[in-house]
């Protein structure tokens, strides 16, 4: 019974991790010519690039999903990476907790510190400009 629960939890986590992995893969910057990123780029692996000639200068990068069609290889790679979600999930969870604590600390410091006169003047001017803009929008409708 415990084994079934563990397998079911892993399968649900795998399914939940599959979509973000594929989204991240399709938004990855890649070489516009060969479709590979970083050191896997086939265009940059010529002798000219290794020895610094201009013949194999780095190509401009594009977003993978904007230039190339999603293939079975992309899906298979993302399924493989998503299967390892128990390994990287604690790190992501810890990162999000630390980020939330730091944001809360920053907000508390900002709330506890009074505004200086220039900051107060700027804030009031921004609020008045926003009120005027909204009034124009209401009158124009």
N, C-alpha and C. Protein backbone atom coordinates (compact mmCIF):
# COMPACT_ATOMS: atom_id res chain seq x y z
N UNK A 1 0.82 -1.19 0.00
CA UNK A 1 0.00 0.00 0.00
C UNK A 1 0.86 1.26 0.00
N UNK A 2 1.91 1.28 0.83
CA UNK A 2 2.80 2.44 0.88
C UNK A 2 3.52 2.61 -0.46
N UNK A 3 3.91 1.49 -1.06
CA UNK A 3 4.58 1.56 -2.36
C UNK A 3 3.67 2.18 -3.40
N UNK A 4 2.40 1.81 -3.38
CA UNK A 4 1.44 2.37 -4.33
C UNK A 4 1.27 3.87 -4.13
N UNK A 5 1.23 4.31 -2.89
CA UNK A 5 1.11 5.75 -2.60
C UNK A 5 2.35 6.50 -3.08
N UNK A 6 3.54 5.93 -2.85
CA UNK A 6 4.78 6.57 -3.28
C UNK A 6 4.83 6.65 -4.80
N UNK A 7 4.47 5.57 -5.48
CA UNK A 7 4.48 5.57 -6.95
C UNK A 7 3.45 6.56 -7.48
N UNK A 8 2.28 6.61 -6.88
CA UNK A 8 1.25 7.56 -7.32
C UNK A 8 1.70 9.00 -7.10
N UNK A 9 2.34 9.28 -5.97
CA UNK A 9 2.85 10.63 -5.70
C UNK A 9 3.94 11.00 -6.69
N UNK A 10 4.83 10.05 -7.00
CA UNK A 10 5.87 10.33 -7.98
C UNK A 10 5.26 10.59 -9.35
N UNK A 11 4.27 9.79 -9.75
CA UNK A 11 3.64 9.96 -11.06
C UNK A 11 2.91 11.31 -11.16
N UNK A 12 2.22 11.71 -10.09
CA UNK A 12 1.56 13.02 -10.10
C UNK A 12 2.57 14.15 -10.17
N UNK A 13 3.67 14.03 -9.44
CA UNK A 13 4.73 15.04 -9.51
C UNK A 13 5.36 15.09 -10.88
N UNK A 14 5.53 13.93 -11.51
CA UNK A 14 6.10 13.87 -12.86
C UNK A 14 5.19 14.56 -13.85
N UNK A 15 3.89 14.29 -13.76
CA UNK A 15 2.95 14.94 -14.66
C UNK A 15 2.89 16.45 -14.42
N UNK A 16 2.99 16.86 -13.16
CA UNK A 16 2.97 18.30 -12.86
C UNK A 16 4.26 18.98 -13.32
N UNK A 17 5.38 18.28 -13.33
CA UNK A 17 6.66 18.86 -13.73
C UNK A 17 6.87 18.84 -15.24
N UNK A 18 6.08 18.07 -15.94
CA UNK A 18 6.27 17.92 -17.39
C UNK A 18 5.97 19.21 -18.14
N UNK A 19 4.90 19.88 -17.82
CA UNK A 19 4.52 21.09 -18.53
C UNK A 19 5.52 22.24 -18.33
N UNK A 20 5.93 22.53 -17.07
CA UNK A 20 6.95 23.58 -16.91
C UNK A 20 8.28 23.24 -17.60
N UNK A 21 8.65 21.96 -17.61
CA UNK A 21 9.90 21.56 -18.26
C UNK A 21 9.82 21.81 -19.77
N UNK A 22 8.68 21.49 -20.36
CA UNK A 22 8.52 21.70 -21.80
C UNK A 22 8.44 23.19 -22.11
N UNK A 23 7.78 23.97 -21.27
CA UNK A 23 7.72 25.42 -21.47
C UNK A 23 9.12 26.03 -21.39
N UNK A 24 9.90 25.59 -20.40
CA UNK A 24 11.27 26.09 -20.24
C UNK A 24 12.12 25.70 -21.45
N UNK A 25 11.93 24.50 -21.96
CA UNK A 25 12.70 24.03 -23.13
C UNK A 25 12.36 24.85 -24.36
N UNK A 26 11.09 25.15 -24.57
CA UNK A 26 10.69 25.87 -25.78
C UNK A 26 10.99 27.36 -25.68
N UNK A 27 11.30 27.89 -24.51
CA UNK A 27 11.67 29.29 -24.36
C UNK A 27 13.18 29.46 -24.21
N UNK A 28 13.92 28.41 -24.47
CA UNK A 28 15.37 28.43 -24.34
C UNK A 28 15.99 29.14 -25.54
N UNK A 29 16.98 30.03 -25.33
CA UNK A 29 17.65 30.65 -26.47
C UNK A 29 18.58 29.65 -27.15
N UNK A 30 18.48 29.57 -28.48
CA UNK A 30 19.28 28.62 -29.26
C UNK A 30 19.86 29.32 -30.47
N UNK A 31 20.82 28.68 -31.10
CA UNK A 31 21.43 29.19 -32.34
C UNK A 31 20.37 29.20 -33.43
N UNK A 32 20.31 30.28 -34.20
CA UNK A 32 19.28 30.38 -35.24
C UNK A 32 19.52 29.43 -36.40
N UNK A 33 20.75 28.94 -36.56
CA UNK A 33 21.05 28.07 -37.68
C UNK A 33 20.81 26.59 -37.35
N UNK A 34 21.39 26.10 -36.24
CA UNK A 34 21.32 24.67 -35.96
C UNK A 34 20.29 24.29 -34.89
N UNK A 35 19.84 25.24 -34.08
CA UNK A 35 18.84 24.94 -33.08
C UNK A 35 19.38 24.39 -31.78
N UNK A 36 20.70 24.43 -31.58
CA UNK A 36 21.29 23.95 -30.34
C UNK A 36 21.75 25.13 -29.50
N UNK A 37 21.90 24.91 -28.22
CA UNK A 37 22.30 26.00 -27.33
C UNK A 37 23.66 25.72 -26.73
N UNK A 38 24.36 26.79 -26.40
CA UNK A 38 25.63 26.68 -25.67
C UNK A 38 26.68 25.88 -26.40
N UNK A 39 27.33 24.96 -25.67
CA UNK A 39 28.42 24.18 -26.25
C UNK A 39 27.92 23.09 -27.18
N UNK A 40 26.61 22.84 -27.22
CA UNK A 40 26.07 21.86 -28.13
C UNK A 40 25.86 22.39 -29.53
N UNK A 41 26.10 23.68 -29.72
CA UNK A 41 25.89 24.32 -31.02
C UNK A 41 26.84 23.73 -32.05
N UNK A 42 26.28 23.24 -33.14
CA UNK A 42 27.10 22.63 -34.18
C UNK A 42 27.80 23.67 -35.04
N UNK A 43 27.22 24.85 -35.14
CA UNK A 43 27.83 25.91 -35.95
C UNK A 43 29.10 26.43 -35.30
N UNK A 44 29.15 26.45 -34.00
CA UNK A 44 30.30 26.99 -33.27
C UNK A 44 31.37 25.94 -33.03
N UNK A 45 31.15 24.74 -33.52
CA UNK A 45 32.10 23.66 -33.25
C UNK A 45 33.05 23.44 -34.42
N UNK A 46 33.15 24.42 -35.31
CA UNK A 46 34.06 24.26 -36.44
C UNK A 46 35.46 24.69 -36.03
N UNK A 47 36.44 24.37 -36.85
CA UNK A 47 37.82 24.73 -36.53
C UNK A 47 37.99 26.24 -36.49
N UNK A 48 37.25 26.96 -37.31
CA UNK A 48 37.36 28.41 -37.33
C UNK A 48 36.98 29.02 -36.00
N UNK A 49 35.93 28.51 -35.34
CA UNK A 49 35.52 29.07 -34.05
C UNK A 49 36.55 28.72 -32.98
N UNK A 50 37.08 27.51 -33.04
CA UNK A 50 38.03 27.09 -32.02
C UNK A 50 39.29 27.95 -32.05
N UNK A 51 39.69 28.35 -33.25
CA UNK A 51 40.94 29.09 -33.37
C UNK A 51 40.72 30.59 -33.59
N UNK A 52 39.50 31.06 -33.42
CA UNK A 52 39.24 32.48 -33.39
C UNK A 52 39.14 33.19 -34.73
N UNK A 53 38.87 32.48 -35.81
CA UNK A 53 38.70 33.18 -37.09
C UNK A 53 37.27 33.67 -37.22
N UNK A 54 37.04 34.62 -38.09
CA UNK A 54 35.72 35.21 -38.26
C UNK A 54 34.77 34.32 -39.05
N UNK A 55 35.29 33.25 -39.65
CA UNK A 55 34.44 32.38 -40.48
C UNK A 55 33.35 31.71 -39.66
N UNK A 56 33.61 31.44 -38.41
CA UNK A 56 32.64 30.75 -37.58
C UNK A 56 32.28 31.59 -36.37
N UNK A 57 31.98 32.85 -36.59
CA UNK A 57 31.59 33.73 -35.49
C UNK A 57 30.29 33.24 -34.89
N UNK A 58 30.06 33.47 -33.62
CA UNK A 58 28.82 33.02 -32.98
C UNK A 58 27.59 33.57 -33.70
N UNK A 59 26.63 32.73 -33.91
CA UNK A 59 25.39 33.11 -34.60
C UNK A 59 24.44 33.77 -33.61
N UNK A 60 23.53 34.61 -34.11
CA UNK A 60 22.52 35.20 -33.22
C UNK A 60 21.63 34.12 -32.63
N UNK A 61 21.17 34.35 -31.42
CA UNK A 61 20.31 33.37 -30.77
C UNK A 61 18.86 33.79 -30.90
N UNK A 62 17.98 32.79 -31.01
CA UNK A 62 16.54 33.00 -31.08
C UNK A 62 15.90 32.10 -30.03
N UNK A 63 14.63 32.31 -29.77
CA UNK A 63 13.89 31.44 -28.85
C UNK A 63 13.49 30.18 -29.61
N UNK A 64 13.74 29.02 -29.01
CA UNK A 64 13.52 27.74 -29.69
C UNK A 64 12.09 27.61 -30.22
N UNK A 65 11.10 27.95 -29.42
CA UNK A 65 9.71 27.79 -29.84
C UNK A 65 9.29 28.76 -30.93
N UNK A 66 9.97 29.90 -31.05
CA UNK A 66 9.63 30.88 -32.07
C UNK A 66 10.18 30.49 -33.44
N UNK A 67 11.22 29.69 -33.47
CA UNK A 67 11.90 29.39 -34.73
C UNK A 67 11.75 27.93 -35.15
N UNK A 68 11.68 27.02 -34.19
CA UNK A 68 11.68 25.60 -34.51
C UNK A 68 10.41 24.92 -34.00
N UNK A 69 9.99 23.88 -34.69
CA UNK A 69 8.80 23.12 -34.31
C UNK A 69 9.15 22.19 -33.16
N UNK A 70 8.21 21.99 -32.25
CA UNK A 70 8.41 21.05 -31.14
C UNK A 70 8.50 19.63 -31.71
N UNK A 71 9.53 18.93 -31.34
CA UNK A 71 9.74 17.58 -31.86
C UNK A 71 9.54 16.54 -30.76
N UNK A 72 9.54 15.29 -31.15
CA UNK A 72 9.45 14.21 -30.18
C UNK A 72 10.67 14.17 -29.28
N UNK A 73 11.82 14.60 -29.81
CA UNK A 73 13.03 14.66 -28.99
C UNK A 73 12.91 15.68 -27.87
N UNK A 74 12.28 16.83 -28.18
CA UNK A 74 12.06 17.83 -27.14
C UNK A 74 11.17 17.28 -26.03
N UNK A 75 10.11 16.61 -26.42
CA UNK A 75 9.17 16.05 -25.45
C UNK A 75 9.85 14.94 -24.64
N UNK A 76 10.62 14.08 -25.32
CA UNK A 76 11.29 12.99 -24.60
C UNK A 76 12.31 13.54 -23.60
N UNK A 77 13.08 14.55 -24.01
CA UNK A 77 14.06 15.14 -23.10
C UNK A 77 13.38 15.76 -21.89
N UNK A 78 12.26 16.45 -22.12
CA UNK A 78 11.54 17.07 -21.01
C UNK A 78 10.90 16.02 -20.11
N UNK A 79 10.42 14.93 -20.69
CA UNK A 79 9.85 13.85 -19.88
C UNK A 79 10.94 13.23 -19.00
N UNK A 80 12.15 13.07 -19.55
CA UNK A 80 13.27 12.53 -18.77
C UNK A 80 13.64 13.47 -17.62
N UNK A 81 13.74 14.78 -17.92
CA UNK A 81 14.09 15.74 -16.87
C UNK A 81 12.99 15.84 -15.82
N UNK A 82 11.73 15.78 -16.25
CA UNK A 82 10.62 15.88 -15.30
C UNK A 82 10.54 14.65 -14.40
N UNK A 83 11.04 13.52 -14.87
CA UNK A 83 11.00 12.30 -14.05
C UNK A 83 11.89 12.43 -12.82
N UNK A 84 12.84 13.35 -12.84
CA UNK A 84 13.76 13.54 -11.73
C UNK A 84 13.29 14.65 -10.80
N UNK A 85 12.01 14.95 -10.78
CA UNK A 85 11.50 16.05 -9.96
C UNK A 85 11.79 15.89 -8.47
N UNK A 86 11.85 14.68 -7.90
CA UNK A 86 12.16 14.62 -6.46
C UNK A 86 13.56 15.13 -6.12
N UNK A 87 14.47 15.13 -7.09
CA UNK A 87 15.83 15.58 -6.83
C UNK A 87 15.88 17.11 -6.74
N UNK A 88 15.23 17.81 -7.68
CA UNK A 88 15.35 19.27 -7.71
C UNK A 88 14.19 20.00 -7.05
N UNK A 89 13.12 19.30 -6.68
CA UNK A 89 11.98 19.97 -6.03
C UNK A 89 12.35 20.59 -4.67
N UNK A 90 13.12 19.93 -3.81
CA UNK A 90 13.48 20.58 -2.54
C UNK A 90 14.30 21.87 -2.74
N UNK A 91 15.18 21.88 -3.73
CA UNK A 91 15.97 23.09 -3.99
C UNK A 91 15.07 24.23 -4.45
N UNK A 92 14.13 23.94 -5.32
CA UNK A 92 13.21 24.99 -5.79
C UNK A 92 12.33 25.47 -4.65
N UNK A 93 11.85 24.54 -3.83
CA UNK A 93 11.03 24.92 -2.69
C UNK A 93 11.81 25.80 -1.71
N UNK A 94 13.04 25.43 -1.43
CA UNK A 94 13.88 26.24 -0.55
C UNK A 94 14.13 27.62 -1.14
N UNK A 95 14.41 27.69 -2.43
CA UNK A 95 14.62 28.97 -3.10
C UNK A 95 13.39 29.86 -2.99
N UNK A 96 12.21 29.30 -3.21
CA UNK A 96 10.98 30.09 -3.13
C UNK A 96 10.70 30.56 -1.70
N UNK A 97 10.99 29.72 -0.71
CA UNK A 97 10.79 30.12 0.68
C UNK A 97 11.74 31.27 1.04
N UNK A 98 13.01 31.14 0.66
CA UNK A 98 13.98 32.20 0.96
C UNK A 98 13.59 33.49 0.26
N UNK A 99 13.15 33.41 -1.00
CA UNK A 99 12.73 34.60 -1.73
C UNK A 99 11.52 35.26 -1.08
N UNK A 100 10.55 34.46 -0.62
CA UNK A 100 9.38 35.01 0.05
C UNK A 100 9.75 35.69 1.37
N UNK A 101 10.66 35.08 2.13
CA UNK A 101 11.09 35.67 3.39
C UNK A 101 11.82 36.99 3.13
N UNK A 102 12.69 37.02 2.13
CA UNK A 102 13.41 38.26 1.81
C UNK A 102 12.47 39.35 1.32
N UNK A 103 11.47 39.00 0.53
CA UNK A 103 10.49 39.99 0.10
C UNK A 103 9.70 40.54 1.28
N UNK A 104 9.29 39.64 2.17
CA UNK A 104 8.54 40.08 3.36
C UNK A 104 9.41 40.99 4.22
N UNK A 105 10.68 40.66 4.36
CA UNK A 105 11.59 41.51 5.13
C UNK A 105 11.73 42.88 4.47
N UNK A 106 11.87 42.89 3.16
CA UNK A 106 11.98 44.16 2.44
C UNK A 106 10.74 45.02 2.59
N UNK A 107 9.57 44.38 2.49
CA UNK A 107 8.32 45.13 2.67
C UNK A 107 8.19 45.67 4.09
N UNK A 108 8.61 44.88 5.07
CA UNK A 108 8.54 45.32 6.47
C UNK A 108 9.46 46.51 6.70
N UNK A 109 10.65 46.48 6.11
CA UNK A 109 11.58 47.60 6.26
C UNK A 109 11.02 48.85 5.60
N UNK A 110 10.45 48.70 4.41
CA UNK A 110 9.87 49.85 3.72
C UNK A 110 8.68 50.40 4.50
N UNK A 111 7.86 49.52 5.06
CA UNK A 111 6.70 49.98 5.82
C UNK A 111 7.11 50.65 7.13
N UNK A 112 8.20 50.21 7.74
CA UNK A 112 8.63 50.76 9.02
C UNK A 112 9.43 52.06 8.87
N UNK A 113 9.94 52.31 7.68
CA UNK A 113 10.77 53.49 7.47
C UNK A 113 9.92 54.62 6.89
N UNK A 114 9.90 55.78 7.53
CA UNK A 114 9.10 56.89 7.00
C UNK A 114 9.72 57.42 5.70
N UNK A 115 8.84 57.97 4.85
CA UNK A 115 9.30 58.54 3.59
C UNK A 115 10.02 59.86 3.85
N UNK A 116 11.03 60.11 3.05
CA UNK A 116 11.70 61.41 3.12
C UNK A 116 10.85 62.43 2.38
N UNK A 117 11.15 63.68 2.53
CA UNK A 117 10.35 64.73 1.90
C UNK A 117 10.34 64.61 0.36
N UNK A 118 11.47 64.37 -0.30
CA UNK A 118 11.42 64.21 -1.76
C UNK A 118 10.60 63.00 -2.20
N UNK A 119 10.71 61.90 -1.46
CA UNK A 119 9.93 60.71 -1.79
C UNK A 119 8.44 60.98 -1.62
N UNK A 120 8.09 61.65 -0.55
CA UNK A 120 6.68 61.97 -0.30
C UNK A 120 6.13 62.89 -1.38
N UNK A 121 6.90 63.89 -1.77
CA UNK A 121 6.47 64.81 -2.83
C UNK A 121 6.27 64.06 -4.14
N UNK A 122 7.22 63.21 -4.48
CA UNK A 122 7.10 62.43 -5.72
C UNK A 122 5.89 61.50 -5.68
N UNK A 123 5.67 60.82 -4.58
CA UNK A 123 4.54 59.90 -4.44
C UNK A 123 3.21 60.64 -4.59
N UNK A 124 3.10 61.79 -3.95
CA UNK A 124 1.86 62.56 -4.04
C UNK A 124 1.65 63.04 -5.47
N UNK A 125 2.70 63.48 -6.14
CA UNK A 125 2.58 63.94 -7.53
C UNK A 125 2.15 62.79 -8.44
N UNK A 126 2.71 61.59 -8.23
CA UNK A 126 2.32 60.43 -9.03
C UNK A 126 0.85 60.07 -8.80
N UNK A 127 0.41 60.13 -7.56
CA UNK A 127 -0.99 59.82 -7.26
C UNK A 127 -1.93 60.84 -7.88
N UNK A 128 -1.57 62.11 -7.83
CA UNK A 128 -2.42 63.15 -8.42
C UNK A 128 -2.47 62.99 -9.94
N UNK A 129 -1.34 62.65 -10.57
CA UNK A 129 -1.34 62.42 -12.01
C UNK A 129 -2.21 61.22 -12.37
N UNK A 130 -2.18 60.20 -11.57
CA UNK A 130 -3.02 59.02 -11.83
C UNK A 130 -4.49 59.36 -11.66
N UNK A 131 -4.83 60.17 -10.66
CA UNK A 131 -6.21 60.59 -10.45
C UNK A 131 -6.70 61.41 -11.65
N UNK A 132 -5.87 62.33 -12.13
CA UNK A 132 -6.24 63.13 -13.30
C UNK A 132 -6.45 62.26 -14.53
N UNK A 133 -5.57 61.28 -14.73
CA UNK A 133 -5.70 60.37 -15.87
C UNK A 133 -6.99 59.58 -15.81
N UNK A 134 -7.31 59.09 -14.63
CA UNK A 134 -8.53 58.31 -14.46
C UNK A 134 -9.78 59.19 -14.64
N UNK A 135 -9.72 60.43 -14.16
CA UNK A 135 -10.85 61.34 -14.35
C UNK A 135 -11.08 61.63 -15.83
N UNK A 136 -10.00 61.83 -16.60
CA UNK A 136 -10.12 62.03 -18.04
C UNK A 136 -10.72 60.81 -18.71
N UNK A 137 -10.30 59.64 -18.26
CA UNK A 137 -10.83 58.40 -18.84
C UNK A 137 -12.31 58.25 -18.54
N UNK A 138 -12.73 58.62 -17.33
CA UNK A 138 -14.16 58.53 -16.97
C UNK A 138 -14.97 59.55 -17.76
N UNK A 139 -14.46 60.78 -17.88
CA UNK A 139 -15.17 61.83 -18.62
C UNK A 139 -15.21 61.53 -20.12
N UNK A 140 -14.19 60.89 -20.64
CA UNK A 140 -14.13 60.60 -22.07
C UNK A 140 -15.04 59.46 -22.49
N UNK A 141 -15.47 58.63 -21.58
CA UNK A 141 -16.30 57.47 -21.93
C UNK A 141 -17.72 57.85 -22.22
